[in-house]
Amino acid sequence: VLAKVFEEHERQKVANGEMLDDDGLVLCVDAGGTSCKA
């Protein structure tokens, strides 16, 4: 499962104290009555 490979990679980086590059990331969610779009 490729998604699980990537999740494992992320956990390893965090465990090794590596900084994940979150600089400038923004999130917007349009959570409407018909559907939710992020």
All heavy atoms as atom14 arrays in JSON, in Angstrom:
{
  "sequence": "VLAKVFEEHERQKVANGEMLDDDGLVLCVDAGGTSCKA",
  "atom14_mask": [
    [1, 1, 1, 1, 1, 1, 1, 0, 0, 0, 0, 0, 0, 0],
    [1, 1, 1, 1, 1, 1, 1, 1, 0, 0, 0, 0, 0, 0],
    [1, 1, 1, 1, 1, 0, 0, 0, 0, 0, 0, 0, 0, 0],
    [1, 1, 1, 1, 1, 1, 1, 1, 1, 0, 0, 0, 0, 0],
    [1, 1, 1, 1, 1, 1, 1, 0, 0, 0, 0, 0, 0, 0],
    [1, 1, 1, 1, 1, 1, 1, 1, 1, 1, 1, 0, 0, 0],
    [1, 1, 1, 1, 1, 1, 1, 1, 1, 0, 0, 0, 0, 0],
    [1, 1, 1, 1, 1, 1, 1, 1, 1, 0, 0, 0, 0, 0],
    [1, 1, 1, 1, 1, 1, 1, 1, 1, 1, 0, 0, 0, 0],
    [1, 1, 1, 1, 1, 1, 1, 1, 1, 0, 0, 0, 0, 0],
    [1, 1, 1, 1, 1, 1, 1, 1, 1, 1, 1, 0, 0, 0],
    [1, 1, 1, 1, 1, 1, 1, 1, 1, 0, 0, 0, 0, 0],
    [1, 1, 1, 1, 1, 1, 1, 1, 1, 0, 0, 0, 0, 0],
    [1, 1, 1, 1, 1, 1, 1, 0, 0, 0, 0, 0, 0, 0],
    [1, 1, 1, 1, 1, 0, 0, 0, 0, 0, 0, 0, 0, 0],
    [1, 1, 1, 1, 1, 1, 1, 1, 0, 0, 0, 0, 0, 0],
    [1, 1, 1, 1, 0, 0, 0, 0, 0, 0, 0, 0, 0, 0],
    [1, 1, 1, 1, 1, 1, 1, 1, 1, 0, 0, 0, 0, 0],
    [1, 1, 1, 1, 1, 1, 1, 1, 0, 0, 0, 0, 0, 0],
    [1, 1, 1, 1, 1, 1, 1, 1, 0, 0, 0, 0, 0, 0],
    [1, 1, 1, 1, 1, 1, 1, 1, 0, 0, 0, 0, 0, 0],
    [1, 1, 1, 1, 1, 1, 1, 1, 0, 0, 0, 0, 0, 0],
    [1, 1, 1, 1, 1, 1, 1, 1, 0, 0, 0, 0, 0, 0],
    [1, 1, 1, 1, 0, 0, 0, 0, 0, 0, 0, 0, 0, 0],
    [1, 1, 1, 1, 1, 1, 1, 1, 0, 0, 0, 0, 0, 0],
    [1, 1, 1, 1, 1, 1, 1, 0, 0, 0, 0, 0, 0, 0],
    [1, 1, 1, 1, 1, 1, 1, 1, 0, 0, 0, 0, 0, 0],
    [1, 1, 1, 1, 1, 1, 0, 0, 0, 0, 0, 0, 0, 0],
    [1, 1, 1, 1, 1, 1, 1, 0, 0, 0, 0, 0, 0, 0],
    [1, 1, 1, 1, 1, 1, 1, 1, 0, 0, 0, 0, 0, 0],
    [1, 1, 1, 1, 1, 0, 0, 0, 0, 0, 0, 0, 0, 0],
    [1, 1, 1, 1, 0, 0, 0, 0, 0, 0, 0, 0, 0, 0],
    [1, 1, 1, 1, 0, 0, 0, 0, 0, 0, 0, 0, 0, 0],
    [1, 1, 1, 1, 1, 1, 1, 0, 0, 0, 0, 0, 0, 0],
    [1, 1, 1, 1, 1, 1, 0, 0, 0, 0, 0, 0, 0, 0],
    [1, 1, 1, 1, 1, 1, 0, 0, 0, 0, 0, 0, 0, 0],
    [1, 1, 1, 1, 1, 1, 1, 1, 1, 0, 0, 0, 0, 0],
    [1, 1, 1, 1, 1, 0, 0, 0, 0, 0, 0, 0, 0, 0]
  ],
  "atom14_positions": [
    [[0.85, -1.19, 0.0], [0.0, 0.0, 0.0], [0.89, 1.24, 0.0], [1.57, 1.53, 0.99], [-0.95, 0.01, 1.21], [-1.83, 1.25, 1.18], [-1.81, -1.26, 1.22], [0.0, 0.0, 0.0], [0.0, 0.0, 0.0], [0.0, 0.0, 0.0], [0.0, 0.0, 0.0], [0.0, 0.0, 0.0], [0.0, 0.0, 0.0], [0.0, 0.0, 0.0]],
    [[0.89, 1.98, -1.1], [1.79, 3.11, -1.26], [1.52, 4.21, -0.23], [2.46, 4.82, 0.3], [1.65, 3.68, -2.68], [2.69, 4.69, -3.14], [4.09, 4.1, -3.06], [2.39, 5.14, -4.57], [0.0, 0.0, 0.0], [0.0, 0.0, 0.0], [0.0, 0.0, 0.0], [0.0, 0.0, 0.0], [0.0, 0.0, 0.0], [0.0, 0.0, 0.0]],
    [[0.27, 4.46, 0.07], [-0.05, 5.5, 1.06], [0.57, 5.18, 2.42], [1.06, 6.07, 3.12], [-1.56, 5.65, 1.19], [0.0, 0.0, 0.0], [0.0, 0.0, 0.0], [0.0, 0.0, 0.0], [0.0, 0.0, 0.0], [0.0, 0.0, 0.0], [0.0, 0.0, 0.0], [0.0, 0.0, 0.0], [0.0, 0.0, 0.0], [0.0, 0.0, 0.0]],
    [[0.58, 3.9, 2.78], [1.17, 3.51, 4.07], [2.69, 3.66, 4.05], [3.31, 3.93, 5.08], [0.75, 2.08, 4.43], [-0.74, 1.94, 4.73], [-1.06, 0.56, 5.25], [-2.54, 0.44, 5.57], [-2.95, 1.37, 6.64], [0.0, 0.0, 0.0], [0.0, 0.0, 0.0], [0.0, 0.0, 0.0], [0.0, 0.0, 0.0], [0.0, 0.0, 0.0]],
    [[3.3, 3.47, 2.88], [4.74, 3.69, 2.75], [5.08, 5.15, 3.05], [6.03, 5.45, 3.77], [5.22, 3.31, 1.33], [6.68, 3.74, 1.11], [5.08, 1.81, 1.11], [0.0, 0.0, 0.0], [0.0, 0.0, 0.0], [0.0, 0.0, 0.0], [0.0, 0.0, 0.0], [0.0, 0.0, 0.0], [0.0, 0.0, 0.0], [0.0, 0.0, 0.0]],
    [[4.27, 6.05, 2.5], [4.52, 7.47, 2.72], [4.26, 7.87, 4.17], [4.97, 8.71, 4.74], [3.65, 8.3, 1.78], [3.99, 8.13, 0.32], [3.09, 8.46, -0.67], [5.22, 7.62, -0.06], [3.4, 8.31, -2.01], [5.55, 7.46, -1.4], [4.63, 7.8, -2.38], [0.0, 0.0, 0.0], [0.0, 0.0, 0.0], [0.0, 0.0, 0.0]],
    [[3.23, 7.27, 4.78], [2.95, 7.56, 6.19], [4.12, 7.1, 7.07], [4.52, 7.81, 8.0], [1.67, 6.84, 6.62], [0.4, 7.4, 5.99], [-0.81, 6.54, 6.29], [-0.74, 5.73, 7.25], [-1.83, 6.65, 5.57], [0.0, 0.0, 0.0], [0.0, 0.0, 0.0], [0.0, 0.0, 0.0], [0.0, 0.0, 0.0], [0.0, 0.0, 0.0]],
    [[4.67, 5.93, 6.77], [5.82, 5.43, 7.52], [7.01, 6.38, 7.36], [7.72, 6.68, 8.33], [6.19, 4.03, 7.01], [7.43, 3.43, 7.67], [7.9, 2.17, 6.97], [8.33, 2.28, 5.79], [7.83, 1.1, 7.58], [0.0, 0.0, 0.0], [0.0, 0.0, 0.0], [0.0, 0.0, 0.0], [0.0, 0.0, 0.0], [0.0, 0.0, 0.0]],
    [[7.21, 6.87, 6.16], [8.32, 7.8, 5.88], [8.17, 9.08, 6.7], [9.15, 9.59, 7.27], [8.33, 8.12, 4.38], [9.39, 9.09, 3.97], [10.73, 8.82, 4.07], [9.3, 10.35, 3.44], [11.44, 9.85, 3.63], [10.58, 10.79, 3.24], [0.0, 0.0, 0.0], [0.0, 0.0, 0.0], [0.0, 0.0, 0.0], [0.0, 0.0, 0.0]],
    [[6.93, 9.57, 6.78], [6.69, 10.79, 7.56], [6.96, 10.55, 9.04], [7.58, 11.38, 9.72], [5.24, 11.24, 7.36], [4.9, 12.51, 8.12], [3.44, 12.9, 7.96], [2.81, 12.43, 7.0], [2.94, 13.66, 8.79], [0.0, 0.0, 0.0], [0.0, 0.0, 0.0], [0.0, 0.0, 0.0], [0.0, 0.0, 0.0], [0.0, 0.0, 0.0]],
    [[6.52, 9.39, 9.56], [6.75, 9.08, 10.97], [8.25, 9.0, 11.27], [8.71, 9.45, 12.33], [6.06, 7.77, 11.35], [4.54, 7.85, 11.4], [3.96, 6.63, 12.1], [4.32, 5.38, 11.43], [3.62, 4.82, 10.46], [2.52, 5.4, 10.04], [4.01, 3.66, 9.92], [0.0, 0.0, 0.0], [0.0, 0.0, 0.0], [0.0, 0.0, 0.0]],
    [[8.99, 8.42, 10.33], [10.43, 8.31, 10.53], [11.1, 9.68, 10.58], [11.99, 9.92, 11.4], [11.04, 7.45, 9.41], [10.7, 5.97, 9.5], [11.23, 5.19, 8.31], [11.65, 5.76, 7.3], [11.2, 3.86, 8.41], [0.0, 0.0, 0.0], [0.0, 0.0, 0.0], [0.0, 0.0, 0.0], [0.0, 0.0, 0.0], [0.0, 0.0, 0.0]],
    [[10.67, 10.57, 9.72], [11.26, 11.92, 9.7], [10.98, 12.65, 11.01], [11.85, 13.31, 11.57], [10.71, 12.72, 8.52], [11.17, 12.22, 7.16], [10.61, 13.05, 6.03], [11.23, 14.44, 5.99], [10.8, 15.22, 4.82], [0.0, 0.0, 0.0], [0.0, 0.0, 0.0], [0.0, 0.0, 0.0], [0.0, 0.0, 0.0], [0.0, 0.0, 0.0]],
    [[9.76, 12.5, 11.51], [9.41, 13.14, 12.78], [10.22, 12.53, 13.92], [10.75, 13.24, 14.79], [7.9, 13.01, 13.05], [7.56, 13.51, 14.45], [7.1, 13.78, 12.02], [0.0, 0.0, 0.0], [0.0, 0.0, 0.0], [0.0, 0.0, 0.0], [0.0, 0.0, 0.0], [0.0, 0.0, 0.0], [0.0, 0.0, 0.0], [0.0, 0.0, 0.0]],
    [[10.34, 11.21, 13.92], [11.09, 10.53, 14.98], [12.57, 10.92, 14.95], [13.23, 10.97, 15.99], [10.95, 9.01, 14.83], [0.0, 0.0, 0.0], [0.0, 0.0, 0.0], [0.0, 0.0, 0.0], [0.0, 0.0, 0.0], [0.0, 0.0, 0.0], [0.0, 0.0, 0.0], [0.0, 0.0, 0.0], [0.0, 0.0, 0.0], [0.0, 0.0, 0.0]],
    [[13.08, 11.22, 13.76], [14.49, 11.62, 13.63], [14.71, 13.1, 13.91], [15.83, 13.59, 13.79], [15.0, 11.28, 12.22], [15.05, 9.79, 11.97], [15.15, 9.0, 12.91], [14.99, 9.4, 10.7], [0.0, 0.0, 0.0], [0.0, 0.0, 0.0], [0.0, 0.0, 0.0], [0.0, 0.0, 0.0], [0.0, 0.0, 0.0], [0.0, 0.0, 0.0]],
    [[13.63, 13.79, 14.25], [13.75, 15.2, 14.57], [13.89, 16.1, 13.36], [14.26, 17.28, 13.49], [0.0, 0.0, 0.0], [0.0, 0.0, 0.0], [0.0, 0.0, 0.0], [0.0, 0.0, 0.0], [0.0, 0.0, 0.0], [0.0, 0.0, 0.0], [0.0, 0.0, 0.0], [0.0, 0.0, 0.0], [0.0, 0.0, 0.0], [0.0, 0.0, 0.0]],
    [[13.59, 15.59, 12.18], [13.68, 16.41, 10.98], [12.5, 17.36, 10.92], [11.36, 17.0, 11.23], [13.7, 15.53, 9.73], [14.89, 14.6, 9.66], [14.86, 13.76, 8.39], [14.55, 14.33, 7.33], [15.14, 12.55, 8.47], [0.0, 0.0, 0.0], [0.0, 0.0, 0.0], [0.0, 0.0, 0.0], [0.0, 0.0, 0.0], [0.0, 0.0, 0.0]],
    [[12.76, 18.58, 10.51], [11.71, 19.59, 10.4], [10.94, 19.37, 9.09], [11.54, 19.23, 8.02], [12.31, 21.0, 10.42], [12.97, 21.36, 11.74], [11.78, 21.39, 13.13], [10.77, 22.77, 12.62], [0.0, 0.0, 0.0], [0.0, 0.0, 0.0], [0.0, 0.0, 0.0], [0.0, 0.0, 0.0], [0.0, 0.0, 0.0], [0.0, 0.0, 0.0]],
    [[9.65, 19.33, 9.19], [8.81, 19.23, 8.0], [8.47, 20.64, 7.52], [8.16, 21.52, 8.32], [7.53, 18.45, 8.32], [7.76, 17.01, 8.8], [6.45, 16.38, 9.21], [8.43, 16.19, 7.72], [0.0, 0.0, 0.0], [0.0, 0.0, 0.0], [0.0, 0.0, 0.0], [0.0, 0.0, 0.0], [0.0, 0.0, 0.0], [0.0, 0.0, 0.0]],
    [[8.57, 20.86, 6.23], [8.41, 22.19, 5.67], [6.93, 22.56, 5.56], [6.27, 22.19, 4.59], [9.08, 22.27, 4.3], [9.06, 23.69, 3.73], [8.76, 24.62, 4.5], [9.34, 23.84, 2.53], [0.0, 0.0, 0.0], [0.0, 0.0, 0.0], [0.0, 0.0, 0.0], [0.0, 0.0, 0.0], [0.0, 0.0, 0.0], [0.0, 0.0, 0.0]],
    [[6.42, 23.26, 6.58], [5.03, 23.71, 6.57], [4.93, 25.21, 6.29], [3.85, 25.79, 6.38], [4.36, 23.42, 7.92], [4.27, 21.93, 8.2], [4.37, 21.16, 7.25], [4.1, 21.56, 9.38], [0.0, 0.0, 0.0], [0.0, 0.0, 0.0], [0.0, 0.0, 0.0], [0.0, 0.0, 0.0], [0.0, 0.0, 0.0], [0.0, 0.0, 0.0]],
    [[6.05, 25.85, 5.98], [6.08, 27.3, 5.85], [5.11, 27.77, 4.77], [5.21, 27.38, 3.61], [7.49, 27.77, 5.49], [7.57, 29.29, 5.38], [6.93, 29.97, 6.21], [8.25, 29.77, 4.46], [0.0, 0.0, 0.0], [0.0, 0.0, 0.0], [0.0, 0.0, 0.0], [0.0, 0.0, 0.0], [0.0, 0.0, 0.0], [0.0, 0.0, 0.0]],
    [[4.16, 28.63, 5.18], [3.27, 29.26, 4.23], [2.09, 28.44, 3.78], [1.3, 28.9, 2.93], [0.0, 0.0, 0.0], [0.0, 0.0, 0.0], [0.0, 0.0, 0.0], [0.0, 0.0, 0.0], [0.0, 0.0, 0.0], [0.0, 0.0, 0.0], [0.0, 0.0, 0.0], [0.0, 0.0, 0.0], [0.0, 0.0, 0.0], [0.0, 0.0, 0.0]],
    [[1.89, 27.24, 4.29], [0.75, 26.43, 3.87], [-0.55, 26.98, 4.45], [-0.61, 27.32, 5.63], [0.93, 24.98, 4.32], [1.98, 24.15, 3.6], [2.14, 22.8, 4.29], [1.58, 23.94, 2.14], [0.0, 0.0, 0.0], [0.0, 0.0, 0.0], [0.0, 0.0, 0.0], [0.0, 0.0, 0.0], [0.0, 0.0, 0.0], [0.0, 0.0, 0.0]],
    [[-1.56, 27.08, 3.61], [-2.87, 27.52, 4.08], [-3.92, 26.48, 3.69], [-3.72, 25.69, 2.77], [-3.27, 28.9, 3.49], [-2.28, 29.97, 3.93], [-3.38, 28.84, 1.97], [0.0, 0.0, 0.0], [0.0, 0.0, 0.0], [0.0, 0.0, 0.0], [0.0, 0.0, 0.0], [0.0, 0.0, 0.0], [0.0, 0.0, 0.0], [0.0, 0.0, 0.0]],
    [[-5.02, 26.51, 4.39], [-6.1, 25.55, 4.19], [-7.42, 26.29, 4.12], [-7.69, 27.17, 4.94], [-6.15, 24.54, 5.34], [-7.4, 23.66, 5.44], [-7.44, 22.65, 4.29], [-7.43, 22.93, 6.79], [0.0, 0.0, 0.0], [0.0, 0.0, 0.0], [0.0, 0.0, 0.0], [0.0, 0.0, 0.0], [0.0, 0.0, 0.0], [0.0, 0.0, 0.0]],
    [[-8.23, 25.94, 3.13], [-9.59, 26.49, 3.06], [-10.56, 25.35, 2.78], [-10.3, 24.5, 1.91], [-9.7, 27.55, 1.98], [-11.31, 28.4, 1.99], [0.0, 0.0, 0.0], [0.0, 0.0, 0.0], [0.0, 0.0, 0.0], [0.0, 0.0, 0.0], [0.0, 0.0, 0.0], [0.0, 0.0, 0.0], [0.0, 0.0, 0.0], [0.0, 0.0, 0.0]],
    [[-11.67, 25.32, 3.51], [-12.66, 24.25, 3.38], [-14.04, 24.86, 3.14], [-14.5, 25.71, 3.92], [-12.71, 23.36, 4.63], [-13.72, 22.23, 4.44], [-11.34, 22.79, 4.96], [0.0, 0.0, 0.0], [0.0, 0.0, 0.0], [0.0, 0.0, 0.0], [0.0, 0.0, 0.0], [0.0, 0.0, 0.0], [0.0, 0.0, 0.0], [0.0, 0.0, 0.0]],
    [[-14.66, 24.46, 2.05], [-16.04, 24.85, 1.74], [-16.94, 23.68, 2.12], [-17.2, 22.79, 1.33], [-16.16, 25.18, 0.25], [-17.59, 25.53, -0.16], [-18.39, 25.85, 0.73], [-17.88, 25.48, -1.37], [0.0, 0.0, 0.0], [0.0, 0.0, 0.0], [0.0, 0.0, 0.0], [0.0, 0.0, 0.0], [0.0, 0.0, 0.0], [0.0, 0.0, 0.0]],
    [[-17.38, 23.68, 3.38], [-18.16, 22.57, 3.92], [-19.65, 22.87, 3.76], [-20.31, 23.35, 4.68], [-17.81, 22.35, 5.39], [0.0, 0.0, 0.0], [0.0, 0.0, 0.0], [0.0, 0.0, 0.0], [0.0, 0.0, 0.0], [0.0, 0.0, 0.0], [0.0, 0.0, 0.0], [0.0, 0.0, 0.0], [0.0, 0.0, 0.0], [0.0, 0.0, 0.0]],
    [[-20.17, 22.6, 2.58], [-21.55, 22.94, 2.27], [-22.52, 21.81, 2.52], [-22.16, 20.72, 2.95], [0.0, 0.0, 0.0], [0.0, 0.0, 0.0], [0.0, 0.0, 0.0], [0.0, 0.0, 0.0], [0.0, 0.0, 0.0], [0.0, 0.0, 0.0], [0.0, 0.0, 0.0], [0.0, 0.0, 0.0], [0.0, 0.0, 0.0], [0.0, 0.0, 0.0]],
    [[-23.78, 22.09, 2.24], [-24.83, 21.11, 2.49], [-24.84, 19.97, 1.5], [-25.35, 18.89, 1.79], [0.0, 0.0, 0.0], [0.0, 0.0, 0.0], [0.0, 0.0, 0.0], [0.0, 0.0, 0.0], [0.0, 0.0, 0.0], [0.0, 0.0, 0.0], [0.0, 0.0, 0.0], [0.0, 0.0, 0.0], [0.0, 0.0, 0.0], [0.0, 0.0, 0.0]],
    [[-24.29, 20.18, 0.3], [-24.27, 19.13, -0.72], [-22.98, 18.34, -0.68], [-22.98, 17.11, -0.82], [-24.44, 19.74, -2.12], [-25.67, 20.47, -2.16], [-24.47, 18.66, -3.18], [0.0, 0.0, 0.0], [0.0, 0.0, 0.0], [0.0, 0.0, 0.0], [0.0, 0.0, 0.0], [0.0, 0.0, 0.0], [0.0, 0.0, 0.0], [0.0, 0.0, 0.0]],
    [[-21.85, 19.03, -0.5], [-20.56, 18.36, -0.46], [-19.56, 19.22, 0.29], [-19.83, 20.39, 0.6], [-20.04, 18.09, -1.89], [-19.8, 19.32, -2.56], [0.0, 0.0, 0.0], [0.0, 0.0, 0.0], [0.0, 0.0, 0.0], [0.0, 0.0, 0.0], [0.0, 0.0, 0.0], [0.0, 0.0, 0.0], [0.0, 0.0, 0.0], [0.0, 0.0, 0.0]],
    [[-18.41, 18.63, 0.58], [-17.34, 19.33, 1.28], [-16.11, 19.37, 0.36], [-15.65, 18.33, -0.1], [-16.99, 18.62, 2.59], [-15.64, 19.39, 3.5], [0.0, 0.0, 0.0], [0.0, 0.0, 0.0], [0.0, 0.0, 0.0], [0.0, 0.0, 0.0], [0.0, 0.0, 0.0], [0.0, 0.0, 0.0], [0.0, 0.0, 0.0], [0.0, 0.0, 0.0]],
    [[-15.59, 20.57, 0.11], [-14.43, 20.73, -0.76], [-13.33, 21.43, 0.03], [-13.56, 22.47, 0.63], [-14.79, 21.54, -2.01], [-15.89, 20.91, -2.86], [-16.22, 21.78, -4.05], [-17.31, 21.13, -4.91], [-18.6, 21.06, -4.21], [0.0, 0.0, 0.0], [0.0, 0.0, 0.0], [0.0, 0.0, 0.0], [0.0, 0.0, 0.0], [0.0, 0.0, 0.0]],
    [[-12.14, 20.83, 0.01], [-11.0, 21.39, 0.74], [-9.87, 21.7, -0.24], [-9.69, 20.99, -1.23], [-10.52, 20.41, 1.81], [0.0, 0.0, 0.0], [0.0, 0.0, 0.0], [0.0, 0.0, 0.0], [0.0, 0.0, 0.0], [0.0, 0.0, 0.0], [0.0, 0.0, 0.0], [0.0, 0.0, 0.0], [0.0, 0.0, 0.0], [0.0, 0.0, 0.0]]
  ]
}
